[in-house]
Amino acid sequence: MIDAEADRLTELALAREEALPQVCGLLLREINRASIHTARTIPDDIVVMGSIVTFSDETTGAVRTVQLVYPGDADISAGRISILTPVGAGLIGLRKGQSIRWPDRDGDIRTLSIVDVATPAPTP
């Protein structure tokens, strides 16, 4: 995880913990166990904020491509999911080829596997 993102995500999770206790708790645990890097040293195949991630849900077989964003930028119809969703919190910090067993909104455990990670092109 990128150092500045870890700080911002910790503040976000703590601020929203009362409203979203399950997701914020999961996100805080992921932050605590993450390896911290600078933006220059983090490997390209690790999911960070802004990454475009293709993942499969091993339970359903569904494959989705989404961009991981902060809550104010989320738009599910445009494929931008918030870090403060169960899937968003589960994806952060994973590397291409890794899987995680993670609860969905209903509390059912899913296995999410990272198929690909890309960084979006800078906006001119």
Protein backbone atom coordinates (compact mmCIF):
# COMPACT_ATOMS: atom_id res chain seq x y z
CA MET A 1 0.00 0.00 0.00
CA ILE A 2 1.22 3.51 -0.73
CA ASP A 3 2.15 5.38 2.45
CA ALA A 4 0.03 8.49 1.76
CA GLU A 5 -2.95 6.32 0.80
CA ALA A 6 -2.63 4.31 4.01
CA ASP A 7 -2.87 7.50 6.05
CA ARG A 8 -5.82 8.87 4.06
CA LEU A 9 -7.67 5.53 4.13
CA THR A 10 -7.13 5.18 7.88
CA GLU A 11 -8.64 8.64 8.43
CA LEU A 12 -11.54 7.82 6.11
CA ALA A 13 -12.27 4.49 7.82
CA LEU A 14 -12.13 6.01 11.30
CA ALA A 15 -14.43 8.87 10.24
CA ARG A 16 -17.00 6.47 8.75
CA GLU A 17 -16.64 3.63 11.29
CA GLU A 18 -19.92 4.35 13.05
CA ALA A 19 -21.94 4.35 9.81
CA LEU A 20 -20.10 1.41 8.17
CA PRO A 21 -18.60 -0.64 10.99
CA GLN A 22 -18.08 -3.91 9.08
CA VAL A 23 -16.42 -2.41 5.99
CA CYS A 24 -14.35 0.08 7.98
CA GLY A 25 -13.17 -2.66 10.34
CA LEU A 26 -12.14 -4.84 7.41
CA LEU A 27 -10.35 -1.93 5.74
CA LEU A 28 -8.48 -1.01 8.91
CA ARG A 29 -7.31 -4.63 9.29
CA GLU A 30 -6.04 -4.61 5.70
CA ILE A 31 -4.19 -1.35 6.27
CA ASN A 32 -2.58 -2.71 9.44
CA ARG A 33 -1.27 -5.83 7.73
CA ALA A 34 -0.15 -4.11 4.51
CA SER A 35 3.43 -3.56 3.44
CA ILE A 36 3.88 0.18 3.04
CA HIS A 37 5.69 1.65 0.01
CA THR A 38 6.19 5.07 -1.49
CA ALA A 39 4.37 5.81 -4.74
CA ARG A 40 7.67 5.38 -6.62
CA THR A 41 8.57 2.00 -5.11
CA ILE A 42 5.24 0.17 -5.15
CA PRO A 43 5.13 -2.64 -7.74
CA ASP A 44 2.86 -2.04 -10.77
CA ASP A 45 0.79 -5.16 -10.16
CA ILE A 46 -0.53 -4.16 -6.72
CA VAL A 47 -4.01 -2.67 -6.37
CA VAL A 48 -3.83 0.92 -5.13
CA MET A 49 -6.34 3.73 -5.21
CA GLY A 50 -7.18 4.56 -8.81
CA SER A 51 -6.13 1.14 -10.10
CA ILE A 52 -8.23 -0.51 -12.76
CA VAL A 53 -8.70 -4.05 -11.51
CA THR A 54 -10.01 -7.12 -13.26
CA PHE A 55 -11.05 -9.76 -10.75
CA SER A 56 -13.05 -12.94 -10.69
CA ASP A 57 -15.54 -14.04 -8.09
CA GLU A 58 -14.69 -17.71 -7.73
CA THR A 59 -18.10 -18.42 -6.19
CA THR A 60 -20.14 -17.16 -9.15
CA GLY A 61 -17.54 -17.26 -11.91
CA ALA A 62 -18.23 -13.60 -12.71
CA VAL A 63 -15.33 -11.51 -13.98
CA ARG A 64 -15.50 -7.74 -13.49
CA THR A 65 -13.27 -4.81 -14.29
CA VAL A 66 -13.58 -1.81 -11.98
CA GLN A 67 -11.63 1.23 -10.91
CA LEU A 68 -11.02 1.55 -7.16
CA VAL A 69 -11.87 5.10 -6.03
CA TYR A 70 -12.65 7.22 -2.99
CA PRO A 71 -16.36 7.42 -2.04
CA GLY A 72 -16.98 10.81 -3.69
CA ASP A 73 -15.80 9.48 -7.06
CA ALA A 74 -17.77 6.23 -6.98
CA ASP A 75 -20.20 5.50 -9.81
CA ILE A 76 -21.05 1.84 -10.19
CA SER A 77 -22.61 2.39 -13.63
CA ALA A 78 -19.25 3.79 -14.81
CA GLY A 79 -17.33 0.94 -13.18
CA ARG A 80 -15.90 3.03 -10.32
CA ILE A 81 -16.31 1.33 -6.95
CA SER A 82 -15.70 2.90 -3.58
CA ILE A 83 -13.01 1.71 -1.23
CA LEU A 84 -15.80 1.77 1.40
CA THR A 85 -17.63 -1.20 -0.15
CA PRO A 86 -16.87 -4.78 0.83
CA VAL A 87 -15.35 -5.52 -2.59
CA GLY A 88 -13.37 -2.28 -2.65
CA ALA A 89 -11.90 -2.88 0.79
CA GLY A 90 -11.06 -6.44 -0.21
CA LEU A 91 -9.20 -5.48 -3.39
CA ILE A 92 -6.82 -2.85 -1.97
CA GLY A 93 -3.27 -4.12 -1.61
CA LEU A 94 -3.74 -7.36 -3.52
CA ARG A 95 -1.35 -8.32 -6.29
CA LYS A 96 -2.12 -9.82 -9.69
CA GLY A 97 -2.62 -13.55 -9.17
CA GLN A 98 -3.58 -13.27 -5.49
CA SER A 99 -6.92 -14.25 -4.00
CA ILE A 100 -8.74 -13.30 -0.84
CA ARG A 101 -11.71 -14.81 0.95
CA TRP A 102 -13.92 -11.85 1.73
CA PRO A 103 -17.47 -11.15 2.94
CA ASP A 104 -19.97 -9.58 0.56
CA ARG A 105 -22.73 -7.15 1.60
CA ASP A 106 -24.87 -10.07 2.82
CA GLY A 107 -22.04 -11.53 4.91
CA ASP A 108 -21.50 -14.49 2.55
CA ILE A 109 -17.84 -15.35 2.03
CA ARG A 110 -16.57 -14.98 -1.54
CA THR A 111 -13.18 -15.71 -3.03
CA LEU A 112 -11.95 -12.79 -5.13
CA SER A 113 -9.00 -13.43 -7.45
CA ILE A 114 -7.04 -10.65 -9.13
CA VAL A 115 -6.74 -11.26 -12.88
CA ASP A 116 -5.11 -7.98 -13.87
CA VAL A 117 -4.13 -4.58 -12.44
CA ALA A 118 -3.62 -1.45 -14.53
CA THR A 119 -2.95 2.20 -13.80
CA PRO A 120 -5.18 4.63 -15.65
CA ALA A 121 -3.59 7.02 -18.13
CA PRO A 122 -3.11 10.52 -16.71
CA THR A 123 -5.76 13.05 -17.66
CA PRO A 124 -4.34 15.77 -19.95
